[in-house]
Amino acid sequence: MTNIKIRHSISNRIRFAVPLVKNNERRAATLKESLEDVDGVLWARINTLCGSLVVRFDKGSLTHNDVVALCRHSLFSGVPHGF
């Protein structure tokens, strides 16, 4: 399974299920660093035991859809695009 899915969201935080980071510390660290380098992302937290990602963001800088796109792009390329 390579897709990510939104499990829960509120106005400035989204929790994703990310199977690609489950038991993969290297990929998780790369994803976390990539996300936290983006202006507007306040923090990212990854749990490699269950394959989850939580991103808290500044809703004045990024929209919900921006964060979803950013996570997908960062996961598959390792480099943020357009943010």
N, C-alpha and C. Protein backbone atom coordinates (compact mmCIF):
# COMPACT_ATOMS: atom_id res chain seq x y z
N MET A 1 0.84 -1.18 0.00
CA MET A 1 0.00 0.00 0.00
C MET A 1 0.89 1.24 0.00
N THR A 2 0.68 2.14 -0.95
CA THR A 2 1.52 3.32 -1.04
C THR A 2 0.75 4.62 -0.84
N ASN A 3 -0.53 4.56 -0.69
CA ASN A 3 -1.33 5.77 -0.57
C ASN A 3 -1.38 6.26 0.87
N ILE A 4 -1.62 7.56 1.02
CA ILE A 4 -1.86 8.09 2.36
C ILE A 4 -3.33 8.46 2.45
N LYS A 5 -3.87 8.35 3.65
CA LYS A 5 -5.28 8.65 3.86
C LYS A 5 -5.44 9.55 5.07
N ILE A 6 -6.36 10.48 4.96
CA ILE A 6 -6.68 11.35 6.10
C ILE A 6 -7.51 10.53 7.09
N ARG A 7 -7.07 10.52 8.34
CA ARG A 7 -7.80 9.82 9.39
C ARG A 7 -8.61 10.78 10.25
N HIS A 8 -8.12 12.02 10.38
CA HIS A 8 -8.81 13.00 11.22
C HIS A 8 -8.27 14.37 10.88
N SER A 9 -9.13 15.37 10.94
CA SER A 9 -8.63 16.73 10.74
C SER A 9 -9.46 17.73 11.51
N ILE A 10 -8.80 18.78 11.94
CA ILE A 10 -9.45 19.96 12.50
C ILE A 10 -8.87 21.14 11.73
N SER A 11 -9.24 22.34 12.08
CA SER A 11 -8.91 23.49 11.24
C SER A 11 -7.42 23.67 10.96
N ASN A 12 -6.54 23.31 11.88
CA ASN A 12 -5.11 23.53 11.63
C ASN A 12 -4.25 22.30 11.90
N ARG A 13 -4.86 21.13 11.89
CA ARG A 13 -4.10 19.90 12.13
C ARG A 13 -4.75 18.75 11.37
N ILE A 14 -3.92 17.93 10.76
CA ILE A 14 -4.41 16.77 10.01
C ILE A 14 -3.62 15.54 10.43
N ARG A 15 -4.34 14.44 10.68
CA ARG A 15 -3.70 13.15 10.96
C ARG A 15 -3.90 12.25 9.74
N PHE A 16 -2.78 11.68 9.29
CA PHE A 16 -2.79 10.79 8.13
C PHE A 16 -2.37 9.38 8.54
N ALA A 17 -2.88 8.40 7.81
CA ALA A 17 -2.34 7.04 7.85
C ALA A 17 -1.35 6.98 6.68
N VAL A 18 -0.10 6.63 6.99
CA VAL A 18 0.97 6.62 5.97
C VAL A 18 1.70 5.28 6.05
N PRO A 19 1.22 4.29 5.33
CA PRO A 19 1.84 2.97 5.39
C PRO A 19 3.33 2.96 5.03
N LEU A 20 3.77 3.87 4.19
CA LEU A 20 5.18 3.88 3.77
C LEU A 20 6.16 4.25 4.88
N VAL A 21 5.69 4.84 5.98
CA VAL A 21 6.61 5.16 7.08
C VAL A 21 6.56 4.12 8.19
N LYS A 22 5.66 3.17 8.07
CA LYS A 22 5.57 2.13 9.10
C LYS A 22 6.86 1.32 9.12
N ASN A 23 7.51 1.29 10.29
CA ASN A 23 8.78 0.58 10.48
C ASN A 23 9.88 1.07 9.54
N ASN A 24 9.83 2.34 9.16
CA ASN A 24 10.84 2.89 8.26
C ASN A 24 11.31 4.24 8.80
N GLU A 25 12.26 4.20 9.72
CA GLU A 25 12.76 5.42 10.38
C GLU A 25 13.39 6.39 9.38
N ARG A 26 14.11 5.88 8.42
CA ARG A 26 14.77 6.75 7.45
C ARG A 26 13.76 7.55 6.64
N ARG A 27 12.76 6.87 6.10
CA ARG A 27 11.74 7.57 5.31
C ARG A 27 10.97 8.55 6.19
N ALA A 28 10.68 8.16 7.42
CA ALA A 28 9.96 9.04 8.35
C ALA A 28 10.76 10.31 8.64
N ALA A 29 12.05 10.16 8.88
CA ALA A 29 12.89 11.33 9.18
C ALA A 29 12.97 12.27 7.98
N THR A 30 13.09 11.71 6.79
CA THR A 30 13.15 12.52 5.57
C THR A 30 11.84 13.27 5.37
N LEU A 31 10.72 12.58 5.57
CA LEU A 31 9.41 13.21 5.41
C LEU A 31 9.22 14.32 6.43
N LYS A 32 9.54 14.06 7.68
CA LYS A 32 9.39 15.07 8.74
C LYS A 32 10.22 16.31 8.43
N GLU A 33 11.47 16.12 8.05
CA GLU A 33 12.35 17.24 7.73
C GLU A 33 11.82 18.03 6.53
N SER A 34 11.37 17.32 5.52
CA SER A 34 10.84 17.97 4.32
C SER A 34 9.62 18.83 4.65
N LEU A 35 8.72 18.30 5.46
CA LEU A 35 7.52 19.04 5.82
C LEU A 35 7.84 20.25 6.69
N GLU A 36 8.70 20.05 7.68
CA GLU A 36 9.00 21.14 8.62
C GLU A 36 9.83 22.25 7.99
N ASP A 37 10.40 22.02 6.82
CA ASP A 37 11.13 23.06 6.10
C ASP A 37 10.19 24.03 5.37
N VAL A 38 8.92 23.71 5.30
CA VAL A 38 7.95 24.53 4.57
C VAL A 38 7.38 25.61 5.48
N ASP A 39 7.42 26.86 5.01
CA ASP A 39 6.80 27.95 5.76
C ASP A 39 5.32 27.66 5.93
N GLY A 40 4.84 27.78 7.14
CA GLY A 40 3.44 27.52 7.44
C GLY A 40 3.22 26.19 8.12
N VAL A 41 4.17 25.27 8.00
CA VAL A 41 4.08 24.01 8.75
C VAL A 41 4.72 24.26 10.11
N LEU A 42 3.93 24.14 11.16
CA LEU A 42 4.42 24.41 12.52
C LEU A 42 5.21 23.22 13.05
N TRP A 43 4.71 22.02 12.82
CA TRP A 43 5.43 20.81 13.19
C TRP A 43 4.80 19.60 12.52
N ALA A 44 5.59 18.55 12.43
CA ALA A 44 5.11 17.27 11.93
C ALA A 44 5.57 16.21 12.92
N ARG A 45 4.69 15.27 13.22
CA ARG A 45 5.02 14.19 14.15
C ARG A 45 4.68 12.87 13.46
N ILE A 46 5.62 11.95 13.47
CA ILE A 46 5.43 10.66 12.80
C ILE A 46 5.60 9.54 13.80
N ASN A 47 4.70 8.58 13.74
CA ASN A 47 4.79 7.37 14.55
C ASN A 47 5.04 6.21 13.60
N THR A 48 6.27 5.70 13.62
CA THR A 48 6.62 4.62 12.70
C THR A 48 6.06 3.26 13.13
N LEU A 49 5.66 3.14 14.38
CA LEU A 49 5.08 1.87 14.83
C LEU A 49 3.71 1.63 14.21
N CYS A 50 2.94 2.70 14.07
CA CYS A 50 1.59 2.52 13.50
C CYS A 50 1.45 3.17 12.12
N GLY A 51 2.49 3.83 11.63
CA GLY A 51 2.43 4.44 10.31
C GLY A 51 1.52 5.64 10.24
N SER A 52 1.66 6.55 11.22
CA SER A 52 0.81 7.74 11.21
C SER A 52 1.64 9.01 11.15
N LEU A 53 1.03 10.05 10.63
CA LEU A 53 1.64 11.37 10.51
C LEU A 53 0.63 12.40 10.97
N VAL A 54 1.06 13.33 11.82
CA VAL A 54 0.23 14.45 12.23
C VAL A 54 0.97 15.72 11.82
N VAL A 55 0.27 16.61 11.14
CA VAL A 55 0.86 17.88 10.72
C VAL A 55 0.02 19.01 11.29
N ARG A 56 0.68 19.92 12.00
CA ARG A 56 0.02 21.13 12.48
C ARG A 56 0.54 22.28 11.63
N PHE A 57 -0.38 23.12 11.16
CA PHE A 57 0.00 24.17 10.23
C PHE A 57 -0.71 25.48 10.56
N ASP A 58 -0.13 26.55 10.05
CA ASP A 58 -0.71 27.88 10.19
C ASP A 58 -1.75 28.05 9.09
N LYS A 59 -3.02 28.11 9.49
CA LYS A 59 -4.07 28.18 8.47
C LYS A 59 -4.12 29.54 7.77
N GLY A 60 -3.35 30.51 8.25
CA GLY A 60 -3.22 31.77 7.55
C GLY A 60 -2.23 31.68 6.39
N SER A 61 -1.37 30.65 6.43
CA SER A 61 -0.35 30.46 5.39
C SER A 61 -0.68 29.32 4.44
N LEU A 62 -1.29 28.28 4.95
CA LEU A 62 -1.60 27.09 4.16
C LEU A 62 -3.05 26.69 4.35
N THR A 63 -3.64 26.15 3.30
CA THR A 63 -4.99 25.61 3.40
C THR A 63 -4.90 24.10 3.69
N HIS A 64 -6.01 23.54 4.06
CA HIS A 64 -6.11 22.10 4.27
C HIS A 64 -5.63 21.36 3.03
N ASN A 65 -6.11 21.79 1.86
CA ASN A 65 -5.72 21.14 0.60
C ASN A 65 -4.24 21.30 0.31
N ASP A 66 -3.66 22.45 0.67
CA ASP A 66 -2.21 22.65 0.50
C ASP A 66 -1.43 21.60 1.28
N VAL A 67 -1.85 21.37 2.52
CA VAL A 67 -1.14 20.43 3.38
C VAL A 67 -1.26 19.00 2.86
N VAL A 68 -2.44 18.63 2.40
CA VAL A 68 -2.62 17.30 1.83
C VAL A 68 -1.71 17.12 0.62
N ALA A 69 -1.71 18.10 -0.28
CA ALA A 69 -0.86 18.02 -1.47
C ALA A 69 0.62 17.99 -1.09
N LEU A 70 0.99 18.81 -0.14
CA LEU A 70 2.38 18.87 0.32
C LEU A 70 2.82 17.52 0.89
N CYS A 71 1.99 16.91 1.70
CA CYS A 71 2.33 15.61 2.29
C CYS A 71 2.49 14.55 1.22
N ARG A 72 1.57 14.51 0.29
CA ARG A 72 1.67 13.51 -0.78
C ARG A 72 2.93 13.73 -1.60
N HIS A 73 3.17 14.97 -1.97
CA HIS A 73 4.34 15.26 -2.79
C HIS A 73 5.63 14.96 -2.02
N SER A 74 5.69 15.39 -0.77
CA SER A 74 6.90 15.18 0.04
C SER A 74 7.17 13.70 0.25
N LEU A 75 6.13 12.93 0.43
CA LEU A 75 6.29 11.50 0.67
C LEU A 75 6.88 10.81 -0.56
N PHE A 76 6.40 11.19 -1.72
CA PHE A 76 6.82 10.47 -2.92
C PHE A 76 8.04 11.06 -3.61
N SER A 77 8.38 12.31 -3.30
CA SER A 77 9.57 12.90 -3.93
C SER A 77 10.64 13.28 -2.93
N GLY A 78 10.23 13.50 -1.66
CA GLY A 78 11.18 13.92 -0.65
C GLY A 78 11.47 15.41 -0.69
N VAL A 79 10.89 16.11 -1.66
CA VAL A 79 11.15 17.54 -1.81
C VAL A 79 9.82 18.26 -1.95
N PRO A 80 9.55 19.28 -1.11
CA PRO A 80 8.31 20.05 -1.26
C PRO A 80 8.27 20.76 -2.61
N HIS A 81 7.09 20.92 -3.15
CA HIS A 81 6.93 21.54 -4.45
C HIS A 81 5.94 22.69 -4.35
N GLY A 82 6.37 23.87 -4.71
CA GLY A 82 5.47 25.00 -4.80
C GLY A 82 5.04 25.60 -3.48
N PHE A 83 5.77 25.33 -2.40
CA PHE A 83 5.39 25.89 -1.11
C PHE A 83 6.58 26.59 -0.51
